[in-house]
All heavy atoms as atom14 arrays in JSON, in Angstrom:
{
  "sequence": "LGAGDGMGTGVARYSSVATVRERLATVLDTVPEGDLPVVIGGDC",
  "atom14_mask": [
    [1, 1, 1, 1, 1, 1, 1, 1, 0, 0, 0, 0, 0, 0],
    [1, 1, 1, 1, 0, 0, 0, 0, 0, 0, 0, 0, 0, 0],
    [1, 1, 1, 1, 1, 0, 0, 0, 0, 0, 0, 0, 0, 0],
    [1, 1, 1, 1, 0, 0, 0, 0, 0, 0, 0, 0, 0, 0],
    [1, 1, 1, 1, 1, 1, 1, 1, 0, 0, 0, 0, 0, 0],
    [1, 1, 1, 1, 0, 0, 0, 0, 0, 0, 0, 0, 0, 0],
    [1, 1, 1, 1, 1, 1, 1, 1, 0, 0, 0, 0, 0, 0],
    [1, 1, 1, 1, 0, 0, 0, 0, 0, 0, 0, 0, 0, 0],
    [1, 1, 1, 1, 1, 1, 1, 0, 0, 0, 0, 0, 0, 0],
    [1, 1, 1, 1, 0, 0, 0, 0, 0, 0, 0, 0, 0, 0],
    [1, 1, 1, 1, 1, 1, 1, 0, 0, 0, 0, 0, 0, 0],
    [1, 1, 1, 1, 1, 0, 0, 0, 0, 0, 0, 0, 0, 0],
    [1, 1, 1, 1, 1, 1, 1, 1, 1, 1, 1, 0, 0, 0],
    [1, 1, 1, 1, 1, 1, 1, 1, 1, 1, 1, 1, 0, 0],
    [1, 1, 1, 1, 1, 1, 0, 0, 0, 0, 0, 0, 0, 0],
    [1, 1, 1, 1, 1, 1, 0, 0, 0, 0, 0, 0, 0, 0],
    [1, 1, 1, 1, 1, 1, 1, 0, 0, 0, 0, 0, 0, 0],
    [1, 1, 1, 1, 1, 0, 0, 0, 0, 0, 0, 0, 0, 0],
    [1, 1, 1, 1, 1, 1, 1, 0, 0, 0, 0, 0, 0, 0],
    [1, 1, 1, 1, 1, 1, 1, 0, 0, 0, 0, 0, 0, 0],
    [1, 1, 1, 1, 1, 1, 1, 1, 1, 1, 1, 0, 0, 0],
    [1, 1, 1, 1, 1, 1, 1, 1, 1, 0, 0, 0, 0, 0],
    [1, 1, 1, 1, 1, 1, 1, 1, 1, 1, 1, 0, 0, 0],
    [1, 1, 1, 1, 1, 1, 1, 1, 0, 0, 0, 0, 0, 0],
    [1, 1, 1, 1, 1, 0, 0, 0, 0, 0, 0, 0, 0, 0],
    [1, 1, 1, 1, 1, 1, 1, 0, 0, 0, 0, 0, 0, 0],
    [1, 1, 1, 1, 1, 1, 1, 0, 0, 0, 0, 0, 0, 0],
    [1, 1, 1, 1, 1, 1, 1, 1, 0, 0, 0, 0, 0, 0],
    [1, 1, 1, 1, 1, 1, 1, 1, 0, 0, 0, 0, 0, 0],
    [1, 1, 1, 1, 1, 1, 1, 0, 0, 0, 0, 0, 0, 0],
    [1, 1, 1, 1, 1, 1, 1, 0, 0, 0, 0, 0, 0, 0],
    [1, 1, 1, 1, 1, 1, 1, 0, 0, 0, 0, 0, 0, 0],
    [1, 1, 1, 1, 1, 1, 1, 1, 1, 0, 0, 0, 0, 0],
    [1, 1, 1, 1, 0, 0, 0, 0, 0, 0, 0, 0, 0, 0],
    [1, 1, 1, 1, 1, 1, 1, 1, 0, 0, 0, 0, 0, 0],
    [1, 1, 1, 1, 1, 1, 1, 1, 0, 0, 0, 0, 0, 0],
    [1, 1, 1, 1, 1, 1, 1, 0, 0, 0, 0, 0, 0, 0],
    [1, 1, 1, 1, 1, 1, 1, 0, 0, 0, 0, 0, 0, 0],
    [1, 1, 1, 1, 1, 1, 1, 0, 0, 0, 0, 0, 0, 0],
    [1, 1, 1, 1, 1, 1, 1, 1, 0, 0, 0, 0, 0, 0],
    [1, 1, 1, 1, 0, 0, 0, 0, 0, 0, 0, 0, 0, 0],
    [1, 1, 1, 1, 0, 0, 0, 0, 0, 0, 0, 0, 0, 0],
    [1, 1, 1, 1, 1, 1, 1, 1, 0, 0, 0, 0, 0, 0],
    [1, 1, 1, 1, 1, 1, 0, 0, 0, 0, 0, 0, 0, 0]
  ],
  "atom14_positions": [
    [[0.82, -1.21, 0.0], [0.0, 0.0, 0.0], [0.85, 1.26, 0.0], [0.49, 2.27, -0.61], [-0.93, 0.0, 1.22], [-1.99, -1.11, 1.27], [-2.77, -1.03, 2.58], [-2.93, -0.99, 0.08], [0.0, 0.0, 0.0], [0.0, 0.0, 0.0], [0.0, 0.0, 0.0], [0.0, 0.0, 0.0], [0.0, 0.0, 0.0], [0.0, 0.0, 0.0]],
    [[1.99, 1.21, 0.65], [2.83, 2.39, 0.77], [3.72, 2.6, -0.43], [3.97, 1.69, -1.23], [0.0, 0.0, 0.0], [0.0, 0.0, 0.0], [0.0, 0.0, 0.0], [0.0, 0.0, 0.0], [0.0, 0.0, 0.0], [0.0, 0.0, 0.0], [0.0, 0.0, 0.0], [0.0, 0.0, 0.0], [0.0, 0.0, 0.0], [0.0, 0.0, 0.0]],
    [[4.22, 3.82, -0.54], [5.09, 4.16, -1.65], [6.41, 3.41, -1.59], [6.95, 2.99, -2.6], [5.35, 5.67, -1.68], [0.0, 0.0, 0.0], [0.0, 0.0, 0.0], [0.0, 0.0, 0.0], [0.0, 0.0, 0.0], [0.0, 0.0, 0.0], [0.0, 0.0, 0.0], [0.0, 0.0, 0.0], [0.0, 0.0, 0.0], [0.0, 0.0, 0.0]],
    [[6.95, 3.23, -0.38], [8.23, 2.57, -0.23], [9.37, 3.57, -0.1], [9.18, 4.78, -0.27], [0.0, 0.0, 0.0], [0.0, 0.0, 0.0], [0.0, 0.0, 0.0], [0.0, 0.0, 0.0], [0.0, 0.0, 0.0], [0.0, 0.0, 0.0], [0.0, 0.0, 0.0], [0.0, 0.0, 0.0], [0.0, 0.0, 0.0], [0.0, 0.0, 0.0]],
    [[10.54, 3.05, 0.2], [11.7, 3.88, 0.48], [12.83, 3.57, -0.5], [13.0, 2.42, -0.91], [12.18, 3.62, 1.91], [13.29, 4.59, 2.31], [12.98, 5.7, 2.76], [14.47, 4.21, 2.16], [0.0, 0.0, 0.0], [0.0, 0.0, 0.0], [0.0, 0.0, 0.0], [0.0, 0.0, 0.0], [0.0, 0.0, 0.0], [0.0, 0.0, 0.0]],
    [[13.59, 4.6, -0.87], [14.69, 4.41, -1.8], [15.87, 3.67, -1.21], [16.67, 3.09, -1.94], [0.0, 0.0, 0.0], [0.0, 0.0, 0.0], [0.0, 0.0, 0.0], [0.0, 0.0, 0.0], [0.0, 0.0, 0.0], [0.0, 0.0, 0.0], [0.0, 0.0, 0.0], [0.0, 0.0, 0.0], [0.0, 0.0, 0.0], [0.0, 0.0, 0.0]],
    [[16.03, 3.7, 0.12], [17.06, 2.94, 0.83], [18.47, 3.22, 0.3], [19.34, 2.35, 0.3], [16.76, 1.44, 0.78], [15.38, 1.08, 1.36], [14.99, -0.68, 1.28], [16.17, -1.34, 2.48], [0.0, 0.0, 0.0], [0.0, 0.0, 0.0], [0.0, 0.0, 0.0], [0.0, 0.0, 0.0], [0.0, 0.0, 0.0], [0.0, 0.0, 0.0]],
    [[18.67, 4.44, -0.2], [19.99, 4.83, -0.65], [20.46, 4.19, -1.94], [21.64, 4.25, -2.28], [0.0, 0.0, 0.0], [0.0, 0.0, 0.0], [0.0, 0.0, 0.0], [0.0, 0.0, 0.0], [0.0, 0.0, 0.0], [0.0, 0.0, 0.0], [0.0, 0.0, 0.0], [0.0, 0.0, 0.0], [0.0, 0.0, 0.0], [0.0, 0.0, 0.0]],
    [[19.53, 3.6, -2.69], [19.91, 2.87, -3.9], [19.91, 3.73, -5.16], [20.42, 3.3, -6.2], [18.94, 1.7, -4.14], [17.61, 2.25, -4.35], [18.91, 0.76, -2.96], [0.0, 0.0, 0.0], [0.0, 0.0, 0.0], [0.0, 0.0, 0.0], [0.0, 0.0, 0.0], [0.0, 0.0, 0.0], [0.0, 0.0, 0.0], [0.0, 0.0, 0.0]],
    [[19.29, 4.91, -5.1], [19.1, 5.7, -6.3], [17.84, 5.32, -7.06], [17.55, 5.9, -8.11], [0.0, 0.0, 0.0], [0.0, 0.0, 0.0], [0.0, 0.0, 0.0], [0.0, 0.0, 0.0], [0.0, 0.0, 0.0], [0.0, 0.0, 0.0], [0.0, 0.0, 0.0], [0.0, 0.0, 0.0], [0.0, 0.0, 0.0], [0.0, 0.0, 0.0]],
    [[17.09, 4.34, -6.54], [15.82, 3.92, -7.15], [14.69, 4.38, -6.24], [14.6, 3.95, -5.08], [15.75, 2.39, -7.33], [14.4, 1.99, -7.92], [16.87, 1.91, -8.23], [0.0, 0.0, 0.0], [0.0, 0.0, 0.0], [0.0, 0.0, 0.0], [0.0, 0.0, 0.0], [0.0, 0.0, 0.0], [0.0, 0.0, 0.0], [0.0, 0.0, 0.0]],
    [[13.85, 5.25, -6.73], [12.73, 5.73, -5.94], [11.81, 4.57, -5.56], [11.54, 3.69, -6.38], [11.95, 6.79, -6.73], [0.0, 0.0, 0.0], [0.0, 0.0, 0.0], [0.0, 0.0, 0.0], [0.0, 0.0, 0.0], [0.0, 0.0, 0.0], [0.0, 0.0, 0.0], [0.0, 0.0, 0.0], [0.0, 0.0, 0.0], [0.0, 0.0, 0.0]],
    [[11.36, 4.56, -4.29], [10.41, 3.54, -3.81], [10.98, 2.13, -3.96], [10.25, 1.17, -4.21], [9.07, 3.67, -4.55], [8.46, 5.07, -4.45], [7.35, 5.27, -5.45], [6.8, 6.62, -5.37], [6.2, 7.23, -6.39], [6.1, 6.61, -7.56], [5.73, 8.44, -6.25], [0.0, 0.0, 0.0], [0.0, 0.0, 0.0], [0.0, 0.0, 0.0]],
    [[12.27, 2.02, -3.81], [12.97, 0.75, -4.01], [12.34, -0.4, -3.23], [12.15, -1.5, -3.76], [14.44, 0.91, -3.6], [15.24, -0.37, -3.56], [15.96, -0.79, -4.66], [15.26, -1.17, -2.4], [16.7, -1.97, -4.62], [15.99, -2.34, -2.36], [16.71, -2.73, -3.47], [17.42, -3.91, -3.42], [0.0, 0.0, 0.0], [0.0, 0.0, 0.0]],
    [[12.03, -0.18, -1.95], [11.56, -1.28, -1.1], [10.28, -1.9, -1.64], [10.13, -3.13, -1.63], [11.37, -0.8, 0.33], [10.43, 0.26, 0.4], [0.0, 0.0, 0.0], [0.0, 0.0, 0.0], [0.0, 0.0, 0.0], [0.0, 0.0, 0.0], [0.0, 0.0, 0.0], [0.0, 0.0, 0.0], [0.0, 0.0, 0.0], [0.0, 0.0, 0.0]],
    [[9.36, -1.07, -2.12], [8.11, -1.61, -2.66], [8.35, -2.34, -3.98], [7.78, -3.41, -4.22], [7.09, -0.49, -2.86], [6.61, -0.02, -1.62], [0.0, 0.0, 0.0], [0.0, 0.0, 0.0], [0.0, 0.0, 0.0], [0.0, 0.0, 0.0], [0.0, 0.0, 0.0], [0.0, 0.0, 0.0], [0.0, 0.0, 0.0], [0.0, 0.0, 0.0]],
    [[9.18, -1.77, -4.85], [9.47, -2.4, -6.13], [10.13, -3.76, -5.92], [9.8, -4.75, -6.58], [10.35, -1.48, -7.0], [10.81, -2.2, -8.26], [9.59, -0.21, -7.37], [0.0, 0.0, 0.0], [0.0, 0.0, 0.0], [0.0, 0.0, 0.0], [0.0, 0.0, 0.0], [0.0, 0.0, 0.0], [0.0, 0.0, 0.0], [0.0, 0.0, 0.0]],
    [[11.07, -3.84, -4.96], [11.76, -5.09, -4.69], [10.8, -6.13, -4.11], [10.88, -7.32, -4.43], [12.92, -4.86, -3.73], [0.0, 0.0, 0.0], [0.0, 0.0, 0.0], [0.0, 0.0, 0.0], [0.0, 0.0, 0.0], [0.0, 0.0, 0.0], [0.0, 0.0, 0.0], [0.0, 0.0, 0.0], [0.0, 0.0, 0.0], [0.0, 0.0, 0.0]],
    [[9.88, -5.68, -3.26], [8.89, -6.59, -2.68], [8.0, -7.18, -3.76], [7.72, -8.39, -3.78], [8.04, -5.86, -1.63], [8.88, -5.46, -0.55], [6.92, -6.75, -1.11], [0.0, 0.0, 0.0], [0.0, 0.0, 0.0], [0.0, 0.0, 0.0], [0.0, 0.0, 0.0], [0.0, 0.0, 0.0], [0.0, 0.0, 0.0], [0.0, 0.0, 0.0]],
    [[7.55, -6.33, -4.69], [6.69, -6.82, -5.77], [7.45, -7.81, -6.65], [6.9, -8.83, -7.09], [6.14, -5.65, -6.6], [5.39, -6.17, -7.82], [5.22, -4.79, -5.76], [0.0, 0.0, 0.0], [0.0, 0.0, 0.0], [0.0, 0.0, 0.0], [0.0, 0.0, 0.0], [0.0, 0.0, 0.0], [0.0, 0.0, 0.0], [0.0, 0.0, 0.0]],
    [[8.72, -7.53, -6.9], [9.51, -8.47, -7.7], [9.5, -9.86, -7.07], [9.31, -10.86, -7.77], [10.94, -7.96, -7.82], [11.85, -8.91, -8.6], [13.32, -8.63, -8.35], [14.17, -9.45, -9.19], [15.49, -9.47, -9.11], [16.1, -8.69, -8.24], [16.21, -10.25, -9.89], [0.0, 0.0, 0.0], [0.0, 0.0, 0.0], [0.0, 0.0, 0.0]],
    [[9.71, -9.92, -5.77], [9.74, -11.22, -5.08], [8.37, -11.9, -5.12], [8.28, -13.11, -5.37], [10.19, -11.02, -3.63], [11.63, -10.55, -3.5], [11.99, -10.18, -2.08], [11.11, -10.32, -1.19], [13.14, -9.77, -1.84], [0.0, 0.0, 0.0], [0.0, 0.0, 0.0], [0.0, 0.0, 0.0], [0.0, 0.0, 0.0], [0.0, 0.0, 0.0]],
    [[7.32, -11.13, -4.9], [5.98, -11.72, -4.89], [5.59, -12.23, -6.27], [4.99, -13.31, -6.41], [4.96, -10.69, -4.39], [5.11, -10.35, -2.92], [4.11, -9.28, -2.48], [4.27, -8.96, -1.06], [3.58, -8.02, -0.43], [2.67, -7.3, -1.09], [3.79, -7.79, 0.85], [0.0, 0.0, 0.0], [0.0, 0.0, 0.0], [0.0, 0.0, 0.0]],
    [[5.91, -11.45, -7.3], [5.57, -11.87, -8.65], [6.36, -13.12, -9.03], [5.82, -14.04, -9.65], [5.84, -10.74, -9.64], [5.65, -11.07, -11.13], [4.25, -11.64, -11.39], [5.9, -9.83, -11.98], [0.0, 0.0, 0.0], [0.0, 0.0, 0.0], [0.0, 0.0, 0.0], [0.0, 0.0, 0.0], [0.0, 0.0, 0.0], [0.0, 0.0, 0.0]],
    [[7.64, -13.17, -8.68], [8.45, -14.34, -8.99], [7.85, -15.59, -8.35], [7.81, -16.67, -8.96], [9.89, -14.13, -8.51], [0.0, 0.0, 0.0], [0.0, 0.0, 0.0], [0.0, 0.0, 0.0], [0.0, 0.0, 0.0], [0.0, 0.0, 0.0], [0.0, 0.0, 0.0], [0.0, 0.0, 0.0], [0.0, 0.0, 0.0], [0.0, 0.0, 0.0]],
    [[7.36, -15.46, -7.13], [6.75, -16.6, -6.44], [5.5, -17.07, -7.16], [5.29, -18.28, -7.35], [6.4, -16.21, -4.98], [7.6, -15.86, -4.29], [5.72, -17.36, -4.26], [0.0, 0.0, 0.0], [0.0, 0.0, 0.0], [0.0, 0.0, 0.0], [0.0, 0.0, 0.0], [0.0, 0.0, 0.0], [0.0, 0.0, 0.0], [0.0, 0.0, 0.0]],
    [[4.66, -16.13, -7.61], [3.45, -16.51, -8.34], [3.79, -17.14, -9.68], [3.2, -18.16, -10.08], [2.54, -15.29, -8.53], [1.39, -15.61, -9.49], [1.99, -14.82, -7.19], [0.0, 0.0, 0.0], [0.0, 0.0, 0.0], [0.0, 0.0, 0.0], [0.0, 0.0, 0.0], [0.0, 0.0, 0.0], [0.0, 0.0, 0.0], [0.0, 0.0, 0.0]],
    [[4.75, -16.58, -10.39], [5.13, -17.13, -11.69], [5.66, -18.55, -11.58], [5.52, -19.35, -12.51], [6.16, -16.23, -12.36], [5.62, -14.88, -12.87], [6.77, -13.99, -13.32], [4.63, -15.07, -14.01], [0.0, 0.0, 0.0], [0.0, 0.0, 0.0], [0.0, 0.0, 0.0], [0.0, 0.0, 0.0], [0.0, 0.0, 0.0], [0.0, 0.0, 0.0]],
    [[6.27, -18.88, -10.45], [6.77, -20.24, -10.26], [5.64, -21.25, -10.19], [5.89, -22.46, -10.34], [7.61, -20.31, -8.98], [9.0, -19.73, -9.15], [9.43, -19.58, -10.31], [9.65, -19.42, -8.13], [0.0, 0.0, 0.0], [0.0, 0.0, 0.0], [0.0, 0.0, 0.0], [0.0, 0.0, 0.0], [0.0, 0.0, 0.0], [0.0, 0.0, 0.0]],
    [[4.4, -20.81, -9.97], [3.26, -21.73, -9.91], [2.61, -21.94, -11.27], [1.72, -22.78, -11.4], [2.2, -21.21, -8.93], [1.58, -20.02, -9.46], [2.81, -20.9, -7.58], [0.0, 0.0, 0.0], [0.0, 0.0, 0.0], [0.0, 0.0, 0.0], [0.0, 0.0, 0.0], [0.0, 0.0, 0.0], [0.0, 0.0, 0.0], [0.0, 0.0, 0.0]],
    [[3.02, -21.16, -12.29], [2.45, -21.33, -13.62], [2.96, -22.64, -14.22], [4.17, -22.87, -14.27], [2.84, -20.15, -14.54], [2.34, -20.38, -15.97], [2.27, -18.85, -14.0], [0.0, 0.0, 0.0], [0.0, 0.0, 0.0], [0.0, 0.0, 0.0], [0.0, 0.0, 0.0], [0.0, 0.0, 0.0], [0.0, 0.0, 0.0], [0.0, 0.0, 0.0]],
    [[2.07, -23.54, -14.65], [2.51, -24.83, -15.17], [3.45, -24.68, -16.37], [3.29, -23.78, -17.19], [1.2, -25.51, -15.59], [0.14, -24.83, -14.76], [0.6, -23.42, -14.62], [0.0, 0.0, 0.0], [0.0, 0.0, 0.0], [0.0, 0.0, 0.0], [0.0, 0.0, 0.0], [0.0, 0.0, 0.0], [0.0, 0.0, 0.0], [0.0, 0.0, 0.0]],
    [[4.42, -25.55, -16.44], [5.34, -25.56, -17.57], [4.56, -25.76, -18.86], [3.69, -26.62, -18.95], [6.36, -26.7, -17.41], [7.46, -26.72, -18.44], [8.45, -25.58, -18.28], [8.6, -25.08, -17.15], [9.05, -25.19, -19.29], [0.0, 0.0, 0.0], [0.0, 0.0, 0.0], [0.0, 0.0, 0.0], [0.0, 0.0, 0.0], [0.0, 0.0, 0.0]],
    [[4.82, -24.93, -19.84], [4.11, -25.03, -21.12], [2.98, -24.03, -21.25], [2.55, -23.74, -22.36], [0.0, 0.0, 0.0], [0.0, 0.0, 0.0], [0.0, 0.0, 0.0], [0.0, 0.0, 0.0], [0.0, 0.0, 0.0], [0.0, 0.0, 0.0], [0.0, 0.0, 0.0], [0.0, 0.0, 0.0], [0.0, 0.0, 0.0], [0.0, 0.0, 0.0]],
    [[2.48, -23.49, -20.12], [1.47, -22.44, -20.2], [2.16, -21.1, -20.48], [3.35, -20.93, -20.2], [0.68, -22.33, -18.9], [-0.29, -23.48, -18.73], [-0.3, -24.38, -19.59], [-1.02, -23.48, -17.72], [0.0, 0.0, 0.0], [0.0, 0.0, 0.0], [0.0, 0.0, 0.0], [0.0, 0.0, 0.0], [0.0, 0.0, 0.0], [0.0, 0.0, 0.0]],
    [[1.42, -20.16, -21.04], [1.98, -18.85, -21.38], [1.63, -17.85, -20.29], [0.48, -17.44, -20.16], [1.43, -18.37, -22.72], [1.87, -16.96, -23.14], [3.36, -16.94, -23.45], [1.06, -16.47, -24.34], [0.0, 0.0, 0.0], [0.0, 0.0, 0.0], [0.0, 0.0, 0.0], [0.0, 0.0, 0.0], [0.0, 0.0, 0.0], [0.0, 0.0, 0.0]],
    [[2.62, -17.39, -19.48], [2.32, -16.36, -18.49], [2.25, -14.99, -19.15], [3.15, -14.59, -19.9], [3.52, -16.44, -17.54], [4.63, -17.04, -18.34], [4.0, -17.88, -19.41], [0.0, 0.0, 0.0], [0.0, 0.0, 0.0], [0.0, 0.0, 0.0], [0.0, 0.0, 0.0], [0.0, 0.0, 0.0], [0.0, 0.0, 0.0], [0.0, 0.0, 0.0]],
    [[1.16, -14.27, -18.88], [0.96, -12.93, -19.4], [0.81, -12.0, -18.19], [-0.17, -12.08, -17.45], [-0.27, -12.83, -20.3], [-0.43, -11.41, -20.84], [-0.18, -13.84, -21.45], [0.0, 0.0, 0.0], [0.0, 0.0, 0.0], [0.0, 0.0, 0.0], [0.0, 0.0, 0.0], [0.0, 0.0, 0.0], [0.0, 0.0, 0.0], [0.0, 0.0, 0.0]],
    [[1.8, -11.13, -18.0], [1.8, -10.23, -16.85], [1.12, -8.93, -17.23], [1.46, -8.31, -18.25], [3.24, -9.97, -16.38], [3.26, -8.91, -15.28], [3.86, -11.27, -15.86], [0.0, 0.0, 0.0], [0.0, 0.0, 0.0], [0.0, 0.0, 0.0], [0.0, 0.0, 0.0], [0.0, 0.0, 0.0], [0.0, 0.0, 0.0], [0.0, 0.0, 0.0]],
    [[0.17, -8.51, -16.42], [-0.57, -7.29, -16.65], [-0.21, -6.27, -15.58], [-0.49, -6.46, -14.4], [-2.1, -7.55, -16.62], [-2.51, -8.68, -17.59], [-2.86, -6.26, -16.91], [-2.33, -8.35, -19.04], [0.0, 0.0, 0.0], [0.0, 0.0, 0.0], [0.0, 0.0, 0.0], [0.0, 0.0, 0.0], [0.0, 0.0, 0.0], [0.0, 0.0, 0.0]],
    [[0.47, -5.17, -15.99], [0.77, -4.09, -15.05], [-0.38, -3.12, -15.02], [-1.34, -3.25, -15.78], [0.0, 0.0, 0.0], [0.0, 0.0, 0.0], [0.0, 0.0, 0.0], [0.0, 0.0, 0.0], [0.0, 0.0, 0.0], [0.0, 0.0, 0.0], [0.0, 0.0, 0.0], [0.0, 0.0, 0.0], [0.0, 0.0, 0.0], [0.0, 0.0, 0.0]],
    [[-0.28, -2.13, -14.18], [0.83, -1.61, -13.46], [1.93, -1.03, -14.37], [1.86, -1.02, -15.58], [0.0, 0.0, 0.0], [0.0, 0.0, 0.0], [0.0, 0.0, 0.0], [0.0, 0.0, 0.0], [0.0, 0.0, 0.0], [0.0, 0.0, 0.0], [0.0, 0.0, 0.0], [0.0, 0.0, 0.0], [0.0, 0.0, 0.0], [0.0, 0.0, 0.0]],
    [[2.92, -0.43, -13.68], [4.03, 0.13, -14.43], [4.91, -0.99, -14.97], [4.84, -2.14, -14.55], [4.81, 1.12, -13.54], [5.54, 0.44, -12.4], [6.52, -0.28, -12.66], [5.16, 0.66, -11.23], [0.0, 0.0, 0.0], [0.0, 0.0, 0.0], [0.0, 0.0, 0.0], [0.0, 0.0, 0.0], [0.0, 0.0, 0.0], [0.0, 0.0, 0.0]],
    [[5.79, -0.62, -15.92], [6.53, -1.66, -16.63], [7.69, -2.22, -15.81], [8.35, -3.17, -16.25], [7.01, -1.17, -17.99], [8.01, 0.31, -17.97], [0.0, 0.0, 0.0], [0.0, 0.0, 0.0], [0.0, 0.0, 0.0], [0.0, 0.0, 0.0], [0.0, 0.0, 0.0], [0.0, 0.0, 0.0], [0.0, 0.0, 0.0], [0.0, 0.0, 0.0]]
  ]
}
């Protein structure tokens, strides 16, 4: 829900972006082999 913090990385809202990366990776690991994952953003 929050914007997140840059944590000195030079990337605005780094903490939230990194969290979403981990969550999305976990969900994508559940997509059966051979199926086509189509990600709908949100920002790119």
